[in-house]
Amino acid sequence: MDLINQIELEKNRIEDQEIGINIEKKQESFFETTLGKVVNKAVDIGISAIVPDLIEDEVIDVKNAILKNGFEDGVQTAIDGAINLGKSVLGIATGKFEDLSQAQNAIKSGGILDNVSNLFDLALNKAKTEGILNNGLYQVIKKGKNTVINQIEKGITEEFGKQAQNVEKLGKYMNQWKDYYQEQDFNGMQREYEKIREKMKELVPLEKTILEARKIENLHELIKNNNQNFDLTEEQKKLAEILI
């Protein structure tokens, strides 16, 4: 095996070791960021629905009054709490989600909506106490809080729906790459390879998915660095699967 291939495979092996070690942290970070954006957007939509007569700037002011009084800082804690409790409820001893369905059930079982609802109440009360929201607006928003919570639930459901579609598309791209590999069509492989890499950026980091994609990456890079020659040694082919 030439030096370029050895270096490339060794780099991938080290990256995969890091993935194995940090997969739980990567998953939690993904959900903190992704669901955090979902919650933030839902607050916008929910407040606009509760007080439709407010102009855009006023909606922003009301939203900021809630976010800056503990809600924004507490969302990450609310998500983490739901993830950890959900794992406990489902008996996930490894600390990491094996598939998308398991992640969705854990977050739901962990009571993320209850966590966010309680956090919303605390932030709303604090905004009123500090005089940022007048009593009339406070009462209207408090009464319509479920509109915000329902919007958050809808957003979370839609996000997992997108993730499911991404998983399906990634599987399709991987299968098409394998078909092109069997046909020894490197141009076709390259097109699917680029799609795989882009789709991986949008997916929750699930270990099985990452490792399957890495096998493809290793083999693809071997062929690429071999001047797109498919005549690889058995050692090279085995290493492409072993070094993950």
C-alpha atoms as a PDB file:
ATOM      1  CA  MET A   1       0.000   0.000   0.000  1.00  0.00           C
ATOM      2  CA  ASP A   2       1.459   3.432  -0.906  1.00  0.00           C
ATOM      3  CA  LEU A   3       2.153   6.149   1.655  1.00  0.00           C
ATOM      4  CA  ILE A   4      -0.784   8.366   0.619  1.00  0.00           C
ATOM      5  CA  ASN A   5      -3.283   5.566   1.190  1.00  0.00           C
ATOM      6  CA  GLN A   6      -1.701   4.667   4.525  1.00  0.00           C
ATOM      7  CA  ILE A   7      -1.900   8.278   5.722  1.00  0.00           C
ATOM      8  CA  GLU A   8      -5.504   8.675   4.564  1.00  0.00           C
ATOM      9  CA  LEU A   9      -6.661   5.469   6.236  1.00  0.00           C
ATOM     10  CA  GLU A  10      -4.797   6.258   9.442  1.00  0.00           C
ATOM     11  CA  LYS A  11      -6.441   9.692   9.554  1.00  0.00           C
ATOM     12  CA  ASN A  12      -9.860   8.086   9.128  1.00  0.00           C
ATOM     13  CA  ARG A  13      -9.065   5.506  11.812  1.00  0.00           C
ATOM     14  CA  ILE A  14      -8.201   8.252  14.317  1.00  0.00           C
ATOM     15  CA  GLU A  15     -11.339  10.193  13.418  1.00  0.00           C
ATOM     16  CA  ASP A  16     -13.469   7.080  13.926  1.00  0.00           C
ATOM     17  CA  GLN A  17     -11.889   6.430  17.318  1.00  0.00           C
ATOM     18  CA  GLU A  18     -12.872   9.966  18.295  1.00  0.00           C
ATOM     19  CA  ILE A  19     -16.390   9.357  17.001  1.00  0.00           C
ATOM     20  CA  GLY A  20     -16.683   6.219  19.114  1.00  0.00           C
ATOM     21  CA  ILE A  21     -15.466   8.005  22.216  1.00  0.00           C
ATOM     22  CA  ASN A  22     -17.462  11.204  21.762  1.00  0.00           C
ATOM     23  CA  ILE A  23     -20.643   9.929  20.086  1.00  0.00           C
ATOM     24  CA  GLU A  24     -22.788  10.606  23.160  1.00  0.00           C
ATOM     25  CA  LYS A  25     -21.509  14.175  23.443  1.00  0.00           C
ATOM     26  CA  LYS A  26     -21.946  14.706  19.706  1.00  0.00           C
ATOM     27  CA  GLN A  27     -25.551  13.512  19.882  1.00  0.00           C
ATOM     28  CA  GLU A  28     -26.373  15.736  22.859  1.00  0.00           C
ATOM     29  CA  SER A  29     -24.719  18.729  21.210  1.00  0.00           C
ATOM     30  CA  PHE A  30     -26.687  18.092  18.011  1.00  0.00           C
ATOM     31  CA  PHE A  31     -30.014  18.031  19.834  1.00  0.00           C
ATOM     32  CA  GLU A  32     -29.150  21.063  21.968  1.00  0.00           C
ATOM     33  CA  THR A  33     -28.451  23.069  18.820  1.00  0.00           C
ATOM     34  CA  THR A  34     -31.213  21.689  16.612  1.00  0.00           C
ATOM     35  CA  LEU A  35     -34.020  21.611  19.170  1.00  0.00           C
ATOM     36  CA  GLY A  36     -32.839  24.942  20.554  1.00  0.00           C
ATOM     37  CA  LYS A  37     -33.494  26.494  17.146  1.00  0.00           C
ATOM     38  CA  VAL A  38     -36.887  24.773  16.987  1.00  0.00           C
ATOM     39  CA  VAL A  39     -37.881  26.224  20.377  1.00  0.00           C
ATOM     40  CA  ASN A  40     -36.662  29.699  19.450  1.00  0.00           C
ATOM     41  CA  LYS A  41     -38.638  29.706  16.207  1.00  0.00           C
ATOM     42  CA  ALA A  42     -41.725  28.344  17.969  1.00  0.00           C
ATOM     43  CA  VAL A  43     -41.674  31.201  20.497  1.00  0.00           C
ATOM     44  CA  ASP A  44     -41.706  33.670  17.586  1.00  0.00           C
ATOM     45  CA  ILE A  45     -44.637  31.970  15.871  1.00  0.00           C
ATOM     46  CA  GLY A  46     -46.511  31.336  19.120  1.00  0.00           C
ATOM     47  CA  ILE A  47     -46.342  34.911  20.410  1.00  0.00           C
ATOM     48  CA  SER A  48     -47.389  36.246  17.004  1.00  0.00           C
ATOM     49  CA  ALA A  49     -50.435  33.958  17.186  1.00  0.00           C
ATOM     50  CA  ILE A  50     -51.284  34.921  20.787  1.00  0.00           C
ATOM     51  CA  VAL A  51     -51.121  38.661  20.167  1.00  0.00           C
ATOM     52  CA  PRO A  52     -51.759  39.076  16.421  1.00  0.00           C
ATOM     53  CA  ASP A  53     -52.323  42.813  16.748  1.00  0.00           C
ATOM     54  CA  LEU A  54     -48.713  43.450  17.718  1.00  0.00           C
ATOM     55  CA  ILE A  55     -46.429  44.747  14.993  1.00  0.00           C
ATOM     56  CA  GLU A  56     -43.230  42.850  14.215  1.00  0.00           C
ATOM     57  CA  ASP A  57     -41.002  45.030  16.410  1.00  0.00           C
ATOM     58  CA  GLU A  58     -43.372  44.602  19.352  1.00  0.00           C
ATOM     59  CA  VAL A  59     -43.370  40.835  18.916  1.00  0.00           C
ATOM     60  CA  ILE A  60     -39.575  40.917  18.998  1.00  0.00           C
ATOM     61  CA  ASP A  61     -39.664  43.040  22.171  1.00  0.00           C
ATOM     62  CA  VAL A  62     -42.045  40.607  23.897  1.00  0.00           C
ATOM     63  CA  LYS A  63     -40.001  37.618  22.777  1.00  0.00           C
ATOM     64  CA  ASN A  64     -36.778  39.226  24.009  1.00  0.00           C
ATOM     65  CA  ALA A  65     -38.421  40.040  27.335  1.00  0.00           C
ATOM     66  CA  ILE A  66     -39.031  36.307  27.811  1.00  0.00           C
ATOM     67  CA  LEU A  67     -35.762  35.054  26.344  1.00  0.00           C
ATOM     68  CA  LYS A  68     -33.594  37.421  28.363  1.00  0.00           C
ATOM     69  CA  ASN A  69     -35.245  36.522  31.644  1.00  0.00           C
ATOM     70  CA  GLY A  70     -33.919  33.006  31.880  1.00  0.00           C
ATOM     71  CA  PHE A  71     -35.745  31.239  29.073  1.00  0.00           C
ATOM     72  CA  GLU A  72     -32.960  31.287  26.499  1.00  0.00           C
ATOM     73  CA  ASP A  73     -30.287  30.179  28.978  1.00  0.00           C
ATOM     74  CA  GLY A  74     -32.565  27.485  30.353  1.00  0.00           C
ATOM     75  CA  VAL A  75     -33.517  25.839  27.065  1.00  0.00           C
ATOM     76  CA  GLN A  76     -30.273  23.876  26.841  1.00  0.00           C
ATOM     77  CA  THR A  77     -30.762  22.626  30.405  1.00  0.00           C
ATOM     78  CA  ALA A  78     -34.367  21.706  29.594  1.00  0.00           C
ATOM     79  CA  ILE A  79     -33.259  19.708  26.551  1.00  0.00           C
ATOM     80  CA  ASP A  80     -30.414  18.007  28.422  1.00  0.00           C
ATOM     81  CA  GLY A  81     -32.771  17.113  31.245  1.00  0.00           C
ATOM     82  CA  ALA A  82     -35.249  15.560  28.829  1.00  0.00           C
ATOM     83  CA  ILE A  83     -32.510  13.570  27.079  1.00  0.00           C
ATOM     84  CA  ASN A  84     -31.036  12.202  30.317  1.00  0.00           C
ATOM     85  CA  LEU A  85     -34.409  11.320  31.841  1.00  0.00           C
ATOM     86  CA  GLY A  86     -35.552   9.758  28.576  1.00  0.00           C
ATOM     87  CA  LYS A  87     -32.464   7.559  28.440  1.00  0.00           C
ATOM     88  CA  SER A  88     -33.139   6.425  31.987  1.00  0.00           C
ATOM     89  CA  VAL A  89     -36.808   5.686  31.256  1.00  0.00           C
ATOM     90  CA  LEU A  90     -35.917   3.645  28.168  1.00  0.00           C
ATOM     91  CA  GLY A  91     -32.994   1.921  29.878  1.00  0.00           C
ATOM     92  CA  ILE A  92     -30.332   3.151  27.456  1.00  0.00           C
ATOM     93  CA  ALA A  93     -27.296   1.943  29.367  1.00  0.00           C
ATOM     94  CA  THR A  94     -24.718   2.841  26.699  1.00  0.00           C
ATOM     95  CA  GLY A  95     -25.525   6.541  26.973  1.00  0.00           C
ATOM     96  CA  LYS A  96     -25.966   6.917  23.226  1.00  0.00           C
ATOM     97  CA  PHE A  97     -28.887   6.563  20.846  1.00  0.00           C
ATOM     98  CA  GLU A  98     -28.652   3.637  18.462  1.00  0.00           C
ATOM     99  CA  ASP A  99     -31.237   4.932  16.005  1.00  0.00           C
ATOM    100  CA  LEU A 100     -33.480   7.897  15.313  1.00  0.00           C
ATOM    101  CA  SER A 101     -36.637   6.315  16.720  1.00  0.00           C
ATOM    102  CA  GLN A 102     -34.890   5.664  20.022  1.00  0.00           C
ATOM    103  CA  ALA A 103     -33.772   9.301  20.225  1.00  0.00           C
ATOM    104  CA  GLN A 104     -37.272  10.588  19.495  1.00  0.00           C
ATOM    105  CA  ASN A 105     -38.873   8.321  22.100  1.00  0.00           C
ATOM    106  CA  ALA A 106     -36.275   9.271  24.716  1.00  0.00           C
ATOM    107  CA  ILE A 107     -36.774  13.000  24.266  1.00  0.00           C
ATOM    108  CA  LYS A 108     -40.534  12.564  24.368  1.00  0.00           C
ATOM    109  CA  SER A 109     -40.364  10.305  27.442  1.00  0.00           C
ATOM    110  CA  GLY A 110     -38.027  12.785  29.121  1.00  0.00           C
ATOM    111  CA  GLY A 111     -40.795  15.383  29.210  1.00  0.00           C
ATOM    112  CA  ILE A 112     -39.208  18.080  27.088  1.00  0.00           C
ATOM    113  CA  LEU A 113     -42.528  19.925  26.670  1.00  0.00           C
ATOM    114  CA  ASP A 114     -43.102  19.993  30.438  1.00  0.00           C
ATOM    115  CA  ASN A 115     -39.558  21.262  30.965  1.00  0.00           C
ATOM    116  CA  VAL A 116     -39.986  24.061  28.438  1.00  0.00           C
ATOM    117  CA  SER A 117     -43.457  24.902  29.749  1.00  0.00           C
ATOM    118  CA  ASN A 118     -42.156  25.370  33.287  1.00  0.00           C
ATOM    119  CA  LEU A 119     -39.250  27.407  31.994  1.00  0.00           C
ATOM    120  CA  PHE A 120     -41.628  29.628  30.014  1.00  0.00           C
ATOM    121  CA  ASP A 121     -43.688  30.300  33.153  1.00  0.00           C
ATOM    122  CA  LEU A 122     -40.604  31.270  35.156  1.00  0.00           C
ATOM    123  CA  ALA A 123     -39.328  33.636  32.450  1.00  0.00           C
ATOM    124  CA  LEU A 124     -42.766  35.182  31.955  1.00  0.00           C
ATOM    125  CA  ASN A 125     -43.230  35.794  35.680  1.00  0.00           C
ATOM    126  CA  LYS A 126     -39.784  37.315  35.974  1.00  0.00           C
ATOM    127  CA  ALA A 127     -40.442  39.648  33.036  1.00  0.00           C
ATOM    128  CA  LYS A 128     -43.631  40.846  34.738  1.00  0.00           C
ATOM    129  CA  THR A 129     -41.996  41.252  38.149  1.00  0.00           C
ATOM    130  CA  GLU A 130     -39.227  43.366  36.654  1.00  0.00           C
ATOM    131  CA  GLY A 131     -41.764  45.537  34.845  1.00  0.00           C
ATOM    132  CA  ILE A 132     -40.658  44.511  31.374  1.00  0.00           C
ATOM    133  CA  LEU A 133     -44.161  43.241  30.557  1.00  0.00           C
ATOM    134  CA  ASN A 134     -47.266  45.111  31.705  1.00  0.00           C
ATOM    135  CA  ASN A 135     -49.959  43.124  33.482  1.00  0.00           C
ATOM    136  CA  GLY A 136     -52.359  43.119  30.524  1.00  0.00           C
ATOM    137  CA  LEU A 137     -49.827  41.681  28.105  1.00  0.00           C
ATOM    138  CA  TYR A 138     -48.609  39.254  30.757  1.00  0.00           C
ATOM    139  CA  GLN A 139     -52.121  37.879  31.248  1.00  0.00           C
ATOM    140  CA  VAL A 140     -52.715  37.499  27.511  1.00  0.00           C
ATOM    141  CA  ILE A 141     -49.464  35.621  26.939  1.00  0.00           C
ATOM    142  CA  LYS A 142     -49.900  33.459  30.038  1.00  0.00           C
ATOM    143  CA  LYS A 143     -53.406  32.496  28.938  1.00  0.00           C
ATOM    144  CA  GLY A 144     -52.163  31.628  25.436  1.00  0.00           C
ATOM    145  CA  LYS A 145     -49.025  29.779  26.564  1.00  0.00           C
ATOM    146  CA  ASN A 146     -50.293  26.469  25.212  1.00  0.00           C
ATOM    147  CA  THR A 147     -50.145  27.969  21.731  1.00  0.00           C
ATOM    148  CA  VAL A 148     -46.390  28.336  22.150  1.00  0.00           C
ATOM    149  CA  ILE A 149     -46.000  24.841  23.636  1.00  0.00           C
ATOM    150  CA  ASN A 150     -48.086  23.306  20.839  1.00  0.00           C
ATOM    151  CA  GLN A 151     -45.916  25.091  18.303  1.00  0.00           C
ATOM    152  CA  ILE A 152     -42.800  23.670  19.965  1.00  0.00           C
ATOM    153  CA  GLU A 153     -44.275  20.161  19.853  1.00  0.00           C
ATOM    154  CA  LYS A 154     -45.108  20.618  16.177  1.00  0.00           C
ATOM    155  CA  GLY A 155     -41.592  21.879  15.452  1.00  0.00           C
ATOM    156  CA  ILE A 156     -39.953  18.927  17.216  1.00  0.00           C
ATOM    157  CA  THR A 157     -42.166  16.450  15.343  1.00  0.00           C
ATOM    158  CA  GLU A 158     -41.326  18.124  12.028  1.00  0.00           C
ATOM    159  CA  GLU A 159     -37.594  18.080  12.821  1.00  0.00           C
ATOM    160  CA  PHE A 160     -37.635  14.341  13.492  1.00  0.00           C
ATOM    161  CA  GLY A 161     -39.616  13.924  10.282  1.00  0.00           C
ATOM    162  CA  LYS A 162     -36.832  15.720   8.406  1.00  0.00           C
ATOM    163  CA  GLN A 163     -34.262  13.531  10.110  1.00  0.00           C
ATOM    164  CA  ALA A 164     -36.147  10.402   9.028  1.00  0.00           C
ATOM    165  CA  GLN A 165     -36.169  11.668   5.444  1.00  0.00           C
ATOM    166  CA  ASN A 166     -32.443  12.402   5.666  1.00  0.00           C
ATOM    167  CA  VAL A 167     -31.738   8.877   6.904  1.00  0.00           C
ATOM    168  CA  GLU A 168     -33.744   7.480   3.991  1.00  0.00           C
ATOM    169  CA  LYS A 169     -31.932   9.680   1.465  1.00  0.00           C
ATOM    170  CA  LEU A 170     -28.543   8.785   2.913  1.00  0.00           C
ATOM    171  CA  GLY A 171     -29.364   5.085   2.596  1.00  0.00           C
ATOM    172  CA  LYS A 172     -30.348   5.679  -1.025  1.00  0.00           C
ATOM    173  CA  TYR A 173     -27.081   7.503  -1.778  1.00  0.00           C
ATOM    174  CA  MET A 174     -25.041   4.747  -0.115  1.00  0.00           C
ATOM    175  CA  ASN A 175     -26.783   2.039  -2.116  1.00  0.00           C
ATOM    176  CA  GLN A 176     -26.284   3.983  -5.345  1.00  0.00           C
ATOM    177  CA  TRP A 177     -22.591   4.424  -4.506  1.00  0.00           C
ATOM    178  CA  LYS A 178     -22.300   0.655  -4.031  1.00  0.00           C
ATOM    179  CA  ASP A 179     -24.023   0.058  -7.374  1.00  0.00           C
ATOM    180  CA  TYR A 180     -21.581   2.376  -9.146  1.00  0.00           C
ATOM    181  CA  TYR A 181     -18.715   0.661  -7.314  1.00  0.00           C
ATOM    182  CA  GLN A 182     -19.830  -2.714  -8.679  1.00  0.00           C
ATOM    183  CA  GLU A 183     -19.955  -1.155 -12.158  1.00  0.00           C
ATOM    184  CA  GLN A 184     -16.518   0.435 -11.555  1.00  0.00           C
ATOM    185  CA  ASP A 185     -17.984   3.816 -12.504  1.00  0.00           C
ATOM    186  CA  PHE A 186     -15.898   6.284 -10.503  1.00  0.00           C
ATOM    187  CA  ASN A 187     -17.712   9.391 -11.771  1.00  0.00           C
ATOM    188  CA  GLY A 188     -21.008   7.968 -10.559  1.00  0.00           C
ATOM    189  CA  MET A 189     -19.383   7.033  -7.251  1.00  0.00           C
ATOM    190  CA  GLN A 190     -18.030  10.570  -6.870  1.00  0.00           C
ATOM    191  CA  ARG A 191     -21.486  12.117  -7.357  1.00  0.00           C
ATOM    192  CA  GLU A 192     -23.010   9.878  -4.692  1.00  0.00           C
ATOM    193  CA  TYR A 193     -19.980  10.330  -2.425  1.00  0.00           C
ATOM    194  CA  GLU A 194     -20.467  14.110  -2.419  1.00  0.00           C
ATOM    195  CA  LYS A 195     -24.174  13.663  -1.625  1.00  0.00           C
ATOM    196  CA  ILE A 196     -23.297  11.323   1.259  1.00  0.00           C
ATOM    197  CA  ARG A 197     -20.850  13.810   2.774  1.00  0.00           C
ATOM    198  CA  GLU A 198     -23.337  16.673   2.534  1.00  0.00           C
ATOM    199  CA  LYS A 199     -26.211  14.644   3.980  1.00  0.00           C
ATOM    200  CA  MET A 200     -24.071  13.500   6.913  1.00  0.00           C
ATOM    201  CA  LYS A 201     -23.762  17.146   7.994  1.00  0.00           C
ATOM    202  CA  GLU A 202     -27.550  17.349   8.442  1.00  0.00           C
ATOM    203  CA  LEU A 203     -27.978  14.076  10.336  1.00  0.00           C
ATOM    204  CA  VAL A 204     -27.953  13.353  14.036  1.00  0.00           C
ATOM    205  CA  PRO A 205     -24.675  11.468  14.612  1.00  0.00           C
ATOM    206  CA  LEU A 206     -25.763   7.836  14.941  1.00  0.00           C
ATOM    207  CA  GLU A 207     -22.849   5.448  15.296  1.00  0.00           C
ATOM    208  CA  LYS A 208     -24.072   2.776  12.868  1.00  0.00           C
ATOM    209  CA  THR A 209     -24.733   5.362  10.159  1.00  0.00           C
ATOM    210  CA  ILE A 210     -21.371   7.062  10.664  1.00  0.00           C
ATOM    211  CA  LEU A 211     -19.420   3.819  10.480  1.00  0.00           C
ATOM    212  CA  GLU A 212     -21.219   2.653   7.344  1.00  0.00           C
ATOM    213  CA  ALA A 213     -20.467   5.996   5.693  1.00  0.00           C
ATOM    214  CA  ARG A 214     -16.838   5.712   6.801  1.00  0.00           C
ATOM    215  CA  LYS A 215     -16.444   2.320   5.081  1.00  0.00           C
ATOM    216  CA  ILE A 216     -17.569   3.957   1.859  1.00  0.00           C
ATOM    217  CA  GLU A 217     -15.252   6.912   2.428  1.00  0.00           C
ATOM    218  CA  ASN A 218     -12.228   4.666   3.032  1.00  0.00           C
ATOM    219  CA  LEU A 219     -12.823   2.597  -0.075  1.00  0.00           C
ATOM    220  CA  HIS A 220     -13.608   5.677  -2.163  1.00  0.00           C
ATOM    221  CA  GLU A 221     -10.386   7.416  -1.113  1.00  0.00           C
ATOM    222  CA  LEU A 222      -8.349   4.269  -1.785  1.00  0.00           C
ATOM    223  CA  ILE A 223      -9.636   4.097  -5.352  1.00  0.00           C
ATOM    224  CA  LYS A 224      -9.244   7.839  -5.850  1.00  0.00           C
ATOM    225  CA  ASN A 225      -5.643   7.802  -4.613  1.00  0.00           C
ATOM    226  CA  ASN A 226      -5.005   4.765  -6.803  1.00  0.00           C
ATOM    227  CA  ASN A 227      -5.615   6.923  -9.908  1.00  0.00           C
ATOM    228  CA  GLN A 228      -9.237   5.737  -9.950  1.00  0.00           C
ATOM    229  CA  ASN A 229      -7.971   2.224 -10.519  1.00  0.00           C
ATOM    230  CA  PHE A 230     -10.310  -0.387  -9.072  1.00  0.00           C
ATOM    231  CA  ASP A 231      -7.616  -3.052  -9.058  1.00  0.00           C
ATOM    232  CA  LEU A 232      -7.016  -2.978  -5.287  1.00  0.00           C
ATOM    233  CA  THR A 233      -5.262  -5.671  -3.323  1.00  0.00           C
ATOM    234  CA  GLU A 234      -7.249  -7.778  -0.891  1.00  0.00           C
ATOM    235  CA  GLU A 235      -5.224  -6.151   1.893  1.00  0.00           C
ATOM    236  CA  GLN A 236      -6.375  -2.706   0.825  1.00  0.00           C
ATOM    237  CA  LYS A 237     -10.010  -3.785   0.647  1.00  0.00           C
ATOM    238  CA  LYS A 238      -9.848  -5.365   4.104  1.00  0.00           C
ATOM    239  CA  LEU A 239      -8.183  -2.314   5.587  1.00  0.00           C
ATOM    240  CA  ALA A 240     -10.963  -0.118   4.198  1.00  0.00           C
ATOM    241  CA  GLU A 241     -13.396  -2.060   6.365  1.00  0.00           C
ATOM    242  CA  ILE A 242     -11.148  -2.666   9.358  1.00  0.00           C
ATOM    243  CA  LEU A 243      -9.973   0.910   9.884  1.00  0.00           C
ATOM    244  CA  ILE A 244     -13.262   2.302  11.140  1.00  0.00           C
END
